[in-house]
Amino acid sequence: MPSDRPALRRHEPAVAHDAAAASSLRFIRETMARTGTFTAVPGWGGVAMGATAVVAAAVASRQPTVSEWLTVWTAEALVGLVIGAWATAAKARKGGAPLLSGQGRKFLLGLLPALLVGVALTLAVYAYEVGATGEYFARGGAADAVASYRLLPGLWLLLYGAGVASAGMFSVRLVPLMGTLFMLTGALALLAPAAWGNVFMGAGFGGLHLVFGALIARRHGG
């Protein structure tokens, strides 16, 4: 017999609604991560990187051979890499920013190619210039003609700046500006006498990291 009563509906379990809400929240978070800005760039970590670079510049300037000079800057690069990676991961974890997905992943992929090119060029110059005894020429006399001592400071600054500027497209505005200034410093280093290499390295990897690290820490947290 027909009835005007509305058909009774089964009550859907609350779990289905919870799952739908969780799925929607996850979608919103992923969308924000893809379209937002990577803010986990280290501030005080950048200051620490700058401080160690200033010390490295002073130590490197006292090395008698290019081989020992290169050893100092290689050690500084590893120290800076560890400090930067740890500080970035700590800031990302504290702020809940994704590090290996979304804008964090884009930031890392923007920075990595330039760093790898720098490693490859350093190894290529080393293989080209190393003598039969496995030692570089001394810095005195013909040292200014040694390609590593003349070219590597400028190349390192240029490539690091290019990587930072590229990665900074997905980060706060201070980051691409810092990368641009690194590239400018590298270009000047290539044009300057070889003896000024440590000065430019200290000004770039030391001074720029100190200044911009402090600015980032002040405006966007440490």
N, C-alpha and C. Protein backbone atom coordinates (compact mmCIF):
# COMPACT_ATOMS: atom_id res chain seq x y z
N MET A 1 0.85 -1.19 0.00
CA MET A 1 0.00 0.00 0.00
C MET A 1 0.89 1.24 0.00
N PRO A 2 0.66 2.17 -0.94
CA PRO A 2 1.53 3.34 -1.00
C PRO A 2 1.40 4.20 0.25
N SER A 3 2.50 4.84 0.59
CA SER A 3 2.52 5.69 1.78
C SER A 3 3.24 6.99 1.47
N ASP A 4 2.80 8.08 2.13
CA ASP A 4 3.44 9.37 1.93
C ASP A 4 4.69 9.54 2.79
N ARG A 5 4.96 8.59 3.63
CA ARG A 5 6.14 8.69 4.47
C ARG A 5 7.42 8.58 3.65
N PRO A 6 8.40 9.38 3.97
CA PRO A 6 9.68 9.22 3.27
C PRO A 6 10.34 7.91 3.65
N ALA A 7 11.01 7.37 2.67
CA ALA A 7 11.67 6.09 2.92
C ALA A 7 12.73 6.27 4.00
N LEU A 8 12.79 5.32 4.89
CA LEU A 8 13.81 5.35 5.94
C LEU A 8 15.19 5.09 5.35
N ARG A 9 16.16 5.86 5.80
CA ARG A 9 17.54 5.69 5.34
C ARG A 9 18.36 5.04 6.43
N ARG A 10 19.24 4.22 5.98
CA ARG A 10 20.16 3.64 6.95
C ARG A 10 21.15 4.71 7.40
N HIS A 11 21.46 4.67 8.65
CA HIS A 11 22.46 5.60 9.17
C HIS A 11 23.85 5.14 8.74
N GLU A 12 24.52 6.02 8.02
CA GLU A 12 25.89 5.67 7.60
C GLU A 12 26.80 5.75 8.81
N PRO A 13 27.71 4.85 8.89
CA PRO A 13 28.62 4.86 10.05
C PRO A 13 29.45 6.13 10.09
N ALA A 14 29.75 6.59 11.30
CA ALA A 14 30.52 7.82 11.48
C ALA A 14 31.92 7.71 10.92
N VAL A 15 32.40 6.47 10.81
CA VAL A 15 33.75 6.25 10.30
C VAL A 15 33.90 6.78 8.88
N ALA A 16 32.82 6.61 8.07
CA ALA A 16 32.89 7.07 6.69
C ALA A 16 33.04 8.59 6.63
N HIS A 17 32.32 9.29 7.50
CA HIS A 17 32.43 10.74 7.52
C HIS A 17 33.82 11.17 7.99
N ASP A 18 34.36 10.47 8.98
CA ASP A 18 35.70 10.78 9.47
C ASP A 18 36.75 10.55 8.39
N ALA A 19 36.60 9.48 7.64
CA ALA A 19 37.55 9.19 6.57
C ALA A 19 37.48 10.25 5.48
N ALA A 20 36.27 10.69 5.16
CA ALA A 20 36.11 11.73 4.13
C ALA A 20 36.72 13.04 4.59
N ALA A 21 36.51 13.37 5.88
CA ALA A 21 37.09 14.60 6.41
C ALA A 21 38.61 14.54 6.41
N ALA A 22 39.16 13.39 6.80
CA ALA A 22 40.61 13.24 6.82
C ALA A 22 41.19 13.32 5.42
N SER A 23 40.47 12.75 4.45
CA SER A 23 40.93 12.81 3.06
C SER A 23 40.92 14.23 2.54
N SER A 24 39.85 14.99 2.89
CA SER A 24 39.78 16.38 2.45
C SER A 24 40.88 17.21 3.09
N LEU A 25 41.14 16.98 4.36
CA LEU A 25 42.19 17.72 5.05
C LEU A 25 43.55 17.41 4.46
N ARG A 26 43.77 16.15 4.13
CA ARG A 26 45.04 15.76 3.51
C ARG A 26 45.20 16.41 2.15
N PHE A 27 44.12 16.48 1.39
CA PHE A 27 44.18 17.13 0.07
C PHE A 27 44.50 18.62 0.22
N ILE A 28 43.89 19.28 1.19
CA ILE A 28 44.16 20.72 1.41
C ILE A 28 45.62 20.94 1.79
N ARG A 29 46.13 20.10 2.68
CA ARG A 29 47.52 20.24 3.09
C ARG A 29 48.48 20.03 1.92
N GLU A 30 48.22 19.01 1.10
CA GLU A 30 49.09 18.74 -0.04
C GLU A 30 49.03 19.88 -1.05
N THR A 31 47.84 20.44 -1.25
CA THR A 31 47.71 21.57 -2.18
C THR A 31 48.47 22.78 -1.68
N MET A 32 48.37 23.07 -0.38
CA MET A 32 49.10 24.19 0.20
C MET A 32 50.60 23.98 0.12
N ALA A 33 51.04 22.73 0.29
CA ALA A 33 52.47 22.44 0.22
C ALA A 33 53.00 22.66 -1.18
N ARG A 34 52.14 22.36 -2.20
CA ARG A 34 52.58 22.52 -3.58
C ARG A 34 52.60 23.97 -4.02
N THR A 35 51.68 24.76 -3.48
CA THR A 35 51.54 26.13 -3.96
C THR A 35 52.10 27.17 -3.00
N GLY A 36 52.51 26.77 -1.82
CA GLY A 36 53.00 27.71 -0.83
C GLY A 36 54.48 28.03 -1.02
N THR A 37 55.08 28.55 0.03
CA THR A 37 56.48 28.95 0.02
C THR A 37 57.25 28.12 1.01
N PHE A 38 58.44 27.68 0.61
CA PHE A 38 59.27 26.89 1.50
C PHE A 38 59.95 27.85 2.48
N THR A 39 59.57 27.77 3.74
CA THR A 39 60.05 28.73 4.74
C THR A 39 61.06 28.13 5.70
N ALA A 40 61.48 26.90 5.44
CA ALA A 40 62.41 26.23 6.37
C ALA A 40 63.87 26.54 6.05
N VAL A 41 64.13 27.62 5.31
CA VAL A 41 65.51 28.03 5.06
C VAL A 41 66.12 28.46 6.39
N PRO A 42 67.28 27.91 6.76
CA PRO A 42 67.82 28.20 8.08
C PRO A 42 68.31 29.63 8.23
N GLY A 43 67.97 30.25 9.35
CA GLY A 43 68.47 31.58 9.66
C GLY A 43 69.76 31.50 10.46
N TRP A 44 69.64 31.04 11.70
CA TRP A 44 70.83 30.92 12.54
C TRP A 44 71.77 29.85 12.01
N GLY A 45 71.24 28.87 11.31
CA GLY A 45 72.11 27.89 10.65
C GLY A 45 72.96 28.56 9.59
N GLY A 46 72.37 29.51 8.86
CA GLY A 46 73.14 30.27 7.87
C GLY A 46 74.21 31.12 8.53
N VAL A 47 73.90 31.68 9.69
CA VAL A 47 74.91 32.45 10.44
C VAL A 47 76.07 31.55 10.83
N ALA A 48 75.77 30.33 11.29
CA ALA A 48 76.83 29.39 11.65
C ALA A 48 77.67 29.02 10.44
N MET A 49 77.03 28.82 9.29
CA MET A 49 77.78 28.52 8.06
C MET A 49 78.71 29.67 7.70
N GLY A 50 78.23 30.91 7.86
CA GLY A 50 79.06 32.07 7.57
C GLY A 50 80.24 32.17 8.51
N ALA A 51 80.03 31.88 9.79
CA ALA A 51 81.11 31.97 10.77
C ALA A 51 82.22 30.97 10.46
N THR A 52 81.84 29.74 10.11
CA THR A 52 82.86 28.74 9.80
C THR A 52 83.59 29.09 8.50
N ALA A 53 82.90 29.74 7.55
CA ALA A 53 83.54 30.13 6.30
C ALA A 53 84.57 31.24 6.51
N VAL A 54 84.28 32.16 7.43
CA VAL A 54 85.25 33.22 7.73
C VAL A 54 86.52 32.61 8.32
N VAL A 55 86.35 31.64 9.21
CA VAL A 55 87.51 30.95 9.79
C VAL A 55 88.27 30.20 8.70
N ALA A 56 87.55 29.53 7.81
CA ALA A 56 88.19 28.78 6.73
C ALA A 56 88.98 29.69 5.82
N ALA A 57 88.46 30.88 5.53
CA ALA A 57 89.17 31.81 4.67
C ALA A 57 90.49 32.23 5.30
N ALA A 58 90.48 32.47 6.61
CA ALA A 58 91.71 32.84 7.30
C ALA A 58 92.71 31.70 7.30
N VAL A 59 92.23 30.48 7.53
CA VAL A 59 93.13 29.32 7.55
C VAL A 59 93.66 29.03 6.16
N ALA A 60 92.80 29.10 5.14
CA ALA A 60 93.21 28.79 3.77
C ALA A 60 94.27 29.75 3.27
N SER A 61 94.19 31.01 3.69
CA SER A 61 95.15 32.02 3.22
C SER A 61 96.56 31.74 3.71
N ARG A 62 96.71 30.88 4.71
CA ARG A 62 98.03 30.57 5.27
C ARG A 62 98.61 29.26 4.75
N GLN A 63 97.90 28.60 3.86
CA GLN A 63 98.38 27.31 3.36
C GLN A 63 99.47 27.50 2.30
N PRO A 64 100.57 26.75 2.38
CA PRO A 64 101.70 26.95 1.47
C PRO A 64 101.49 26.37 0.07
N THR A 65 100.60 25.40 -0.08
CA THR A 65 100.38 24.78 -1.38
C THR A 65 98.90 24.84 -1.73
N VAL A 66 98.62 24.75 -3.01
CA VAL A 66 97.23 24.75 -3.47
C VAL A 66 96.51 23.49 -3.00
N SER A 67 97.25 22.39 -2.87
CA SER A 67 96.65 21.15 -2.39
C SER A 67 96.10 21.33 -0.98
N GLU A 68 96.88 21.95 -0.12
CA GLU A 68 96.42 22.18 1.26
C GLU A 68 95.32 23.23 1.30
N TRP A 69 95.42 24.21 0.42
CA TRP A 69 94.36 25.22 0.32
C TRP A 69 93.04 24.57 -0.06
N LEU A 70 93.09 23.67 -1.04
CA LEU A 70 91.88 22.99 -1.49
C LEU A 70 91.32 22.08 -0.39
N THR A 71 92.21 21.48 0.40
CA THR A 71 91.76 20.63 1.49
C THR A 71 90.97 21.42 2.51
N VAL A 72 91.44 22.63 2.82
CA VAL A 72 90.73 23.47 3.79
C VAL A 72 89.33 23.80 3.30
N TRP A 73 89.21 24.20 2.03
CA TRP A 73 87.90 24.60 1.52
C TRP A 73 86.99 23.39 1.30
N THR A 74 87.57 22.23 1.01
CA THR A 74 86.75 21.03 0.91
C THR A 74 86.17 20.66 2.27
N ALA A 75 87.00 20.76 3.30
CA ALA A 75 86.51 20.50 4.65
C ALA A 75 85.43 21.49 5.05
N GLU A 76 85.61 22.76 4.69
CA GLU A 76 84.60 23.77 5.00
C GLU A 76 83.30 23.49 4.27
N ALA A 77 83.39 23.04 3.02
CA ALA A 77 82.18 22.71 2.26
C ALA A 77 81.39 21.60 2.95
N LEU A 78 82.09 20.59 3.45
CA LEU A 78 81.42 19.49 4.14
C LEU A 78 80.79 19.96 5.45
N VAL A 79 81.54 20.80 6.19
CA VAL A 79 80.99 21.34 7.44
C VAL A 79 79.75 22.19 7.16
N GLY A 80 79.83 23.05 6.15
CA GLY A 80 78.69 23.88 5.80
C GLY A 80 77.49 23.06 5.36
N LEU A 81 77.75 21.99 4.62
CA LEU A 81 76.67 21.12 4.16
C LEU A 81 75.96 20.46 5.34
N VAL A 82 76.74 19.98 6.30
CA VAL A 82 76.15 19.33 7.48
C VAL A 82 75.33 20.34 8.28
N ILE A 83 75.90 21.53 8.51
CA ILE A 83 75.17 22.56 9.27
C ILE A 83 73.88 22.95 8.56
N GLY A 84 73.97 23.20 7.25
CA GLY A 84 72.80 23.61 6.49
C GLY A 84 71.71 22.54 6.47
N ALA A 85 72.11 21.28 6.27
CA ALA A 85 71.13 20.20 6.22
C ALA A 85 70.46 20.01 7.58
N TRP A 86 71.26 20.04 8.64
CA TRP A 86 70.69 19.85 9.98
C TRP A 86 69.76 21.00 10.35
N ALA A 87 70.20 22.23 10.08
CA ALA A 87 69.38 23.40 10.43
C ALA A 87 68.09 23.43 9.63
N THR A 88 68.16 23.08 8.35
CA THR A 88 66.96 23.07 7.52
C THR A 88 65.97 22.01 8.00
N ALA A 89 66.48 20.81 8.28
CA ALA A 89 65.61 19.73 8.75
C ALA A 89 64.98 20.08 10.09
N ALA A 90 65.76 20.69 10.98
CA ALA A 90 65.24 21.06 12.30
C ALA A 90 64.15 22.13 12.17
N LYS A 91 64.38 23.12 11.32
CA LYS A 91 63.38 24.18 11.16
C LYS A 91 62.13 23.65 10.48
N ALA A 92 62.30 22.76 9.50
CA ALA A 92 61.14 22.18 8.83
C ALA A 92 60.32 21.34 9.80
N ARG A 93 61.00 20.58 10.64
CA ARG A 93 60.30 19.74 11.61
C ARG A 93 59.56 20.60 12.63
N LYS A 94 60.19 21.68 13.07
CA LYS A 94 59.58 22.56 14.05
C LYS A 94 58.35 23.28 13.48
N GLY A 95 58.44 23.69 12.23
CA GLY A 95 57.34 24.42 11.62
C GLY A 95 56.34 23.55 10.89
N GLY A 96 56.56 22.25 10.88
CA GLY A 96 55.64 21.35 10.19
C GLY A 96 55.67 21.47 8.68
N ALA A 97 56.79 21.97 8.13
CA ALA A 97 56.91 22.13 6.68
C ALA A 97 57.45 20.84 6.07
N PRO A 98 56.86 20.37 4.97
CA PRO A 98 57.38 19.16 4.32
C PRO A 98 58.74 19.42 3.69
N LEU A 99 59.68 18.52 3.92
CA LEU A 99 61.04 18.71 3.42
C LEU A 99 61.30 17.97 2.12
N LEU A 100 60.69 16.82 1.96
CA LEU A 100 60.94 16.00 0.78
C LEU A 100 59.72 15.92 -0.13
N SER A 101 58.79 16.83 0.02
CA SER A 101 57.62 16.88 -0.85
C SER A 101 57.22 18.33 -1.02
N GLY A 102 56.38 18.60 -2.01
CA GLY A 102 55.89 19.95 -2.22
C GLY A 102 57.01 20.94 -2.51
N GLN A 103 56.92 22.11 -1.90
CA GLN A 103 57.91 23.16 -2.13
C GLN A 103 59.28 22.80 -1.57
N GLY A 104 59.32 22.01 -0.51
CA GLY A 104 60.60 21.57 0.02
C GLY A 104 61.38 20.73 -0.98
N ARG A 105 60.68 19.85 -1.65
CA ARG A 105 61.31 19.02 -2.68
C ARG A 105 61.80 19.88 -3.85
N LYS A 106 60.99 20.85 -4.26
CA LYS A 106 61.39 21.75 -5.35
C LYS A 106 62.62 22.56 -4.96
N PHE A 107 62.66 23.01 -3.70
CA PHE A 107 63.81 23.78 -3.22
C PHE A 107 65.09 22.94 -3.32
N LEU A 108 65.03 21.72 -2.84
CA LEU A 108 66.21 20.86 -2.88
C LEU A 108 66.63 20.54 -4.31
N LEU A 109 65.68 20.26 -5.17
CA LEU A 109 65.99 19.94 -6.56
C LEU A 109 66.54 21.17 -7.30
N GLY A 110 66.14 22.37 -6.88
CA GLY A 110 66.69 23.57 -7.49
C GLY A 110 68.12 23.83 -7.08
N LEU A 111 68.47 23.43 -5.87
CA LEU A 111 69.82 23.67 -5.34
C LEU A 111 70.81 22.60 -5.76
N LEU A 112 70.36 21.36 -5.83
CA LEU A 112 71.27 20.23 -6.01
C LEU A 112 72.07 20.23 -7.30
N PRO A 113 71.48 20.50 -8.49
CA PRO A 113 72.27 20.43 -9.72
C PRO A 113 73.51 21.32 -9.72
N ALA A 114 73.38 22.55 -9.25
CA ALA A 114 74.53 23.46 -9.23
C ALA A 114 75.63 22.94 -8.31
N LEU A 115 75.24 22.36 -7.18
CA LEU A 115 76.24 21.81 -6.26
C LEU A 115 76.97 20.63 -6.89
N LEU A 116 76.24 19.79 -7.59
CA LEU A 116 76.88 18.64 -8.24
C LEU A 116 77.82 19.08 -9.36
N VAL A 117 77.44 20.12 -10.09
CA VAL A 117 78.33 20.66 -11.12
C VAL A 117 79.61 21.20 -10.49
N GLY A 118 79.48 21.85 -9.34
CA GLY A 118 80.65 22.35 -8.64
C GLY A 118 81.60 21.24 -8.25
N VAL A 119 81.06 20.14 -7.76
CA VAL A 119 81.89 18.99 -7.40
C VAL A 119 82.58 18.43 -8.63
N ALA A 120 81.85 18.30 -9.73
CA ALA A 120 82.42 17.75 -10.96
C ALA A 120 83.54 18.63 -11.50
N LEU A 121 83.34 19.94 -11.50
CA LEU A 121 84.37 20.86 -11.99
C LEU A 121 85.61 20.84 -11.09
N THR A 122 85.41 20.75 -9.80
CA THR A 122 86.54 20.68 -8.88
C THR A 122 87.38 19.43 -9.14
N LEU A 123 86.71 18.30 -9.31
CA LEU A 123 87.42 17.05 -9.60
C LEU A 123 88.13 17.12 -10.94
N ALA A 124 87.49 17.76 -11.92
CA ALA A 124 88.10 17.87 -13.24
C ALA A 124 89.37 18.73 -13.20
N VAL A 125 89.32 19.83 -12.48
CA VAL A 125 90.49 20.69 -12.35
C VAL A 125 91.60 19.96 -11.59
N TYR A 126 91.22 19.24 -10.56
CA TYR A 126 92.21 18.47 -9.79
C TYR A 126 92.89 17.44 -10.69
N ALA A 127 92.11 16.70 -11.46
CA ALA A 127 92.69 15.68 -12.33
C ALA A 127 93.57 16.28 -13.40
N TYR A 128 93.24 17.49 -13.85
CA TYR A 128 94.02 18.15 -14.90
C TYR A 128 95.35 18.66 -14.38
N GLU A 129 95.34 19.21 -13.17
CA GLU A 129 96.53 19.90 -12.68
C GLU A 129 97.45 19.08 -11.81
N VAL A 130 96.96 18.01 -11.23
CA VAL A 130 97.79 17.27 -10.30
C VAL A 130 99.03 16.73 -11.01
N GLY A 131 100.17 16.84 -10.34
CA GLY A 131 101.43 16.39 -10.93
C GLY A 131 101.66 14.91 -10.73
N ALA A 132 102.79 14.44 -11.24
CA ALA A 132 103.12 13.02 -11.13
C ALA A 132 103.31 12.60 -9.68
N THR A 133 103.71 13.54 -8.82
CA THR A 133 103.94 13.23 -7.41
C THR A 133 102.66 13.27 -6.60
N GLY A 134 101.57 13.70 -7.23
CA GLY A 134 100.30 13.79 -6.53
C GLY A 134 100.14 15.05 -5.72
N GLU A 135 101.02 16.03 -5.91
CA GLU A 135 100.94 17.27 -5.16
C GLU A 135 100.77 18.46 -6.11
N TYR A 136 100.02 19.44 -5.65
CA TYR A 136 99.88 20.66 -6.43
C TYR A 136 101.14 21.52 -6.31
N PHE A 137 101.29 22.42 -7.26
CA PHE A 137 102.40 23.36 -7.20
C PHE A 137 102.26 24.26 -5.98
N ALA A 138 103.37 24.76 -5.49
CA ALA A 138 103.34 25.71 -4.38
C ALA A 138 102.72 27.01 -4.85
N ARG A 139 102.21 27.79 -3.90
CA ARG A 139 101.54 29.04 -4.25
C ARG A 139 102.52 30.13 -4.67
N GLY A 140 103.77 30.00 -4.31
CA GLY A 140 104.73 31.02 -4.68
C GLY A 140 105.11 30.93 -6.15
N GLY A 141 105.61 32.00 -6.70
CA GLY A 141 106.09 31.99 -8.08
C GLY A 141 104.98 31.82 -9.07
N ALA A 142 104.89 30.62 -9.66
CA ALA A 142 103.93 30.37 -10.73
C ALA A 142 102.55 29.99 -10.21
N ALA A 143 102.32 30.17 -8.92
CA ALA A 143 101.04 29.74 -8.36
C ALA A 143 99.86 30.47 -8.98
N ASP A 144 100.06 31.74 -9.35
CA ASP A 144 98.96 32.49 -9.94
C ASP A 144 98.50 31.89 -11.26
N ALA A 145 99.35 31.06 -11.86
CA ALA A 145 98.98 30.43 -13.13
C ALA A 145 98.22 29.13 -12.91
N VAL A 146 98.15 28.66 -11.67
CA VAL A 146 97.44 27.42 -11.38
C VAL A 146 95.94 27.66 -11.51
N ALA A 147 95.30 26.86 -12.36
CA ALA A 147 93.89 27.10 -12.68
C ALA A 147 92.98 27.00 -11.46
N SER A 148 93.27 26.04 -10.58
CA SER A 148 92.40 25.86 -9.42
C SER A 148 92.39 27.09 -8.53
N TYR A 149 93.56 27.68 -8.32
CA TYR A 149 93.65 28.83 -7.43
C TYR A 149 93.05 30.08 -8.07
N ARG A 150 93.11 30.15 -9.40
CA ARG A 150 92.55 31.30 -10.11
C ARG A 150 91.06 31.16 -10.35
N LEU A 151 90.59 29.98 -10.67
CA LEU A 151 89.23 29.81 -11.14
C LEU A 151 88.24 29.29 -10.10
N LEU A 152 88.69 28.40 -9.23
CA LEU A 152 87.74 27.72 -8.36
C LEU A 152 86.98 28.66 -7.42
N PRO A 153 87.60 29.67 -6.80
CA PRO A 153 86.79 30.55 -5.94
C PRO A 153 85.63 31.19 -6.68
N GLY A 154 85.88 31.73 -7.87
CA GLY A 154 84.81 32.34 -8.64
C GLY A 154 83.77 31.34 -9.08
N LEU A 155 84.22 30.16 -9.52
CA LEU A 155 83.27 29.13 -9.97
C LEU A 155 82.42 28.63 -8.82
N TRP A 156 83.03 28.40 -7.67
CA TRP A 156 82.25 27.95 -6.51
C TRP A 156 81.19 28.97 -6.12
N LEU A 157 81.58 30.23 -6.08
CA LEU A 157 80.61 31.28 -5.72
C LEU A 157 79.50 31.41 -6.76
N LEU A 158 79.87 31.35 -8.03
CA LEU A 158 78.87 31.45 -9.10
C LEU A 158 77.87 30.30 -9.05
N LEU A 159 78.39 29.08 -8.93
CA LEU A 159 77.51 27.91 -8.95
C LEU A 159 76.64 27.84 -7.70
N TYR A 160 77.21 28.14 -6.57
CA TYR A 160 76.41 28.15 -5.34
C TYR A 160 75.32 29.22 -5.44
N GLY A 161 75.70 30.38 -5.94
CA GLY A 161 74.71 31.44 -6.11
C GLY A 161 73.61 31.06 -7.07
N ALA A 162 73.98 30.39 -8.17
CA ALA A 162 72.97 29.96 -9.14
C ALA A 162 72.01 28.96 -8.52
N GLY A 163 72.56 28.03 -7.72
CA GLY A 163 71.70 27.06 -7.05
C GLY A 163 70.77 27.70 -6.04
N VAL A 164 71.30 28.63 -5.26
CA VAL A 164 70.49 29.30 -4.25
C VAL A 164 69.41 30.16 -4.92
N ALA A 165 69.77 30.87 -5.99
CA ALA A 165 68.79 31.69 -6.70
C ALA A 165 67.69 30.83 -7.31
N SER A 166 68.07 29.69 -7.87
CA SER A 166 67.07 28.80 -8.46
C SER A 166 66.16 28.20 -7.39
N ALA A 167 66.77 27.71 -6.32
CA ALA A 167 65.96 27.15 -5.23
C ALA A 167 65.12 28.22 -4.56
N GLY A 168 65.63 29.44 -4.53
CA GLY A 168 64.92 30.52 -3.87
C GLY A 168 63.63 30.93 -4.55
N MET A 169 63.41 30.48 -5.79
CA MET A 169 62.15 30.77 -6.45
C MET A 169 60.98 30.13 -5.72
N PHE A 170 61.27 29.13 -4.89
CA PHE A 170 60.22 28.45 -4.14
C PHE A 170 60.29 28.81 -2.66
N SER A 171 61.06 29.84 -2.33
CA SER A 171 61.25 30.20 -0.93
C SER A 171 60.97 31.69 -0.73
N VAL A 172 61.40 32.21 0.40
CA VAL A 172 61.17 33.62 0.73
C VAL A 172 62.06 34.50 -0.15
N ARG A 173 61.71 35.78 -0.28
CA ARG A 173 62.38 36.66 -1.24
C ARG A 173 63.85 36.88 -0.94
N LEU A 174 64.24 36.77 0.31
CA LEU A 174 65.63 36.99 0.66
C LEU A 174 66.56 35.96 0.03
N VAL A 175 66.05 34.76 -0.21
CA VAL A 175 66.91 33.68 -0.70
C VAL A 175 67.39 33.93 -2.14
N PRO A 176 66.50 34.21 -3.10
CA PRO A 176 67.02 34.50 -4.45
C PRO A 176 67.89 35.75 -4.50
N LEU A 177 67.63 36.72 -3.63
CA LEU A 177 68.48 37.90 -3.57
C LEU A 177 69.88 37.52 -3.12
N MET A 178 69.96 36.66 -2.12
CA MET A 178 71.26 36.19 -1.66
C MET A 178 71.99 35.44 -2.77
N GLY A 179 71.27 34.60 -3.50
CA GLY A 179 71.89 33.87 -4.61
C GLY A 179 72.43 34.80 -5.67
N THR A 180 71.70 35.86 -5.97
CA THR A 180 72.17 36.83 -6.96
C THR A 180 73.45 37.51 -6.52
N LEU A 181 73.53 37.87 -5.24
CA LEU A 181 74.74 38.51 -4.72
C LEU A 181 75.92 37.54 -4.70
N PHE A 182 75.65 36.26 -4.47
CA PHE A 182 76.70 35.25 -4.56
C PHE A 182 77.26 35.20 -5.99
N MET A 183 76.38 35.23 -6.97
CA MET A 183 76.84 35.19 -8.36
C MET A 183 77.64 36.43 -8.71
N LEU A 184 77.22 37.59 -8.22
CA LEU A 184 77.97 38.81 -8.46
C LEU A 184 79.35 38.73 -7.83
N THR A 185 79.43 38.21 -6.63
CA THR A 185 80.72 38.05 -5.96
C THR A 185 81.60 37.08 -6.74
N GLY A 186 81.02 36.01 -7.25
CA GLY A 186 81.79 35.05 -8.04
C GLY A 186 82.33 35.65 -9.32
N ALA A 187 81.51 36.47 -9.98
CA ALA A 187 81.96 37.12 -11.22
C ALA A 187 83.13 38.06 -10.93
N LEU A 188 83.06 38.80 -9.83
CA LEU A 188 84.16 39.68 -9.46
C LEU A 188 85.42 38.88 -9.12
N ALA A 189 85.24 37.73 -8.47
CA ALA A 189 86.37 36.89 -8.12
C ALA A 189 87.10 36.38 -9.35
N LEU A 190 86.36 36.07 -10.41
CA LEU A 190 86.99 35.60 -11.64
C LEU A 190 87.78 36.70 -12.33
N LEU A 191 87.37 37.93 -12.16
CA LEU A 191 88.06 39.05 -12.80
C LEU A 191 89.22 39.58 -11.97
N ALA A 192 89.22 39.31 -10.68
CA ALA A 192 90.24 39.83 -9.77
C ALA A 192 91.49 38.97 -9.81
N PRO A 193 92.61 39.47 -9.28
CA PRO A 193 93.83 38.67 -9.17
C PRO A 193 93.59 37.42 -8.33
N ALA A 194 94.36 36.36 -8.63
CA ALA A 194 94.18 35.09 -7.94
C ALA A 194 94.41 35.22 -6.44
N ALA A 195 95.29 36.13 -6.03
CA ALA A 195 95.60 36.28 -4.61
C ALA A 195 94.41 36.76 -3.80
N TRP A 196 93.38 37.28 -4.47
CA TRP A 196 92.21 37.77 -3.76
C TRP A 196 91.14 36.70 -3.57
N GLY A 197 91.43 35.49 -3.99
CA GLY A 197 90.43 34.43 -3.94
C GLY A 197 89.87 34.19 -2.56
N ASN A 198 90.72 34.12 -1.55
CA ASN A 198 90.24 33.88 -0.19
C ASN A 198 89.40 35.03 0.33
N VAL A 199 89.73 36.26 -0.10
CA VAL A 199 88.94 37.42 0.32
C VAL A 199 87.51 37.30 -0.20
N PHE A 200 87.39 36.95 -1.47
CA PHE A 200 86.05 36.81 -2.05
C PHE A 200 85.31 35.62 -1.45
N MET A 201 86.03 34.55 -1.17
CA MET A 201 85.39 33.39 -0.54
C MET A 201 84.88 33.75 0.85
N GLY A 202 85.71 34.48 1.61
CA GLY A 202 85.28 34.90 2.93
C GLY A 202 84.11 35.87 2.87
N ALA A 203 84.15 36.79 1.88
CA ALA A 203 83.06 37.75 1.74
C ALA A 203 81.76 37.07 1.31
N GLY A 204 81.87 36.08 0.42
CA GLY A 204 80.68 35.39 -0.07
C GLY A 204 80.15 34.36 0.92
N PHE A 205 80.89 33.28 1.08
CA PHE A 205 80.42 32.20 1.95
C PHE A 205 80.39 32.61 3.42
N GLY A 206 81.22 33.60 3.78
CA GLY A 206 81.21 34.09 5.15
C GLY A 206 80.24 35.24 5.34
N GLY A 207 80.54 36.37 4.70
CA GLY A 207 79.77 37.59 4.92
C GLY A 207 78.32 37.49 4.51
N LEU A 208 78.06 36.98 3.31
CA LEU A 208 76.67 36.91 2.83
C LEU A 208 75.83 35.96 3.67
N HIS A 209 76.42 34.84 4.09
CA HIS A 209 75.69 33.92 4.96
C HIS A 209 75.39 34.55 6.31
N LEU A 210 76.34 35.31 6.84
CA LEU A 210 76.12 35.97 8.13
C LEU A 210 74.99 36.98 8.04
N VAL A 211 75.04 37.83 7.02
CA VAL A 211 74.04 38.89 6.88
C VAL A 211 72.66 38.32 6.59
N PHE A 212 72.56 37.48 5.58
CA PHE A 212 71.24 36.97 5.20
C PHE A 212 70.71 35.96 6.20
N GLY A 213 71.62 35.22 6.84
CA GLY A 213 71.16 34.31 7.90
C GLY A 213 70.49 35.07 9.02
N ALA A 214 71.09 36.20 9.42
CA ALA A 214 70.51 37.02 10.48
C ALA A 214 69.17 37.62 10.03
N LEU A 215 69.10 38.07 8.78
CA LEU A 215 67.85 38.65 8.28
C LEU A 215 66.74 37.61 8.22
N ILE A 216 67.08 36.42 7.74
CA ILE A 216 66.08 35.36 7.67
C ILE A 216 65.61 34.97 9.06
N ALA A 217 66.55 34.86 10.01
CA ALA A 217 66.18 34.51 11.39
C ALA A 217 65.26 35.56 11.99
N ARG A 218 65.50 36.82 11.69
CA ARG A 218 64.70 37.90 12.25
C ARG A 218 63.31 37.95 11.64
N ARG A 219 63.22 37.74 10.31
CA ARG A 219 61.93 37.90 9.63
C ARG A 219 61.12 36.61 9.55
N HIS A 220 61.82 35.47 9.50
CA HIS A 220 61.12 34.21 9.26
C HIS A 220 61.46 33.14 10.29
N GLY A 221 62.12 33.51 11.33
CA GLY A 221 62.45 32.54 12.37
C GLY A 221 63.77 31.84 12.08
N GLY A 222 64.35 31.29 13.16
CA GLY A 222 65.67 30.65 13.04
C GLY A 222 65.64 29.34 12.35
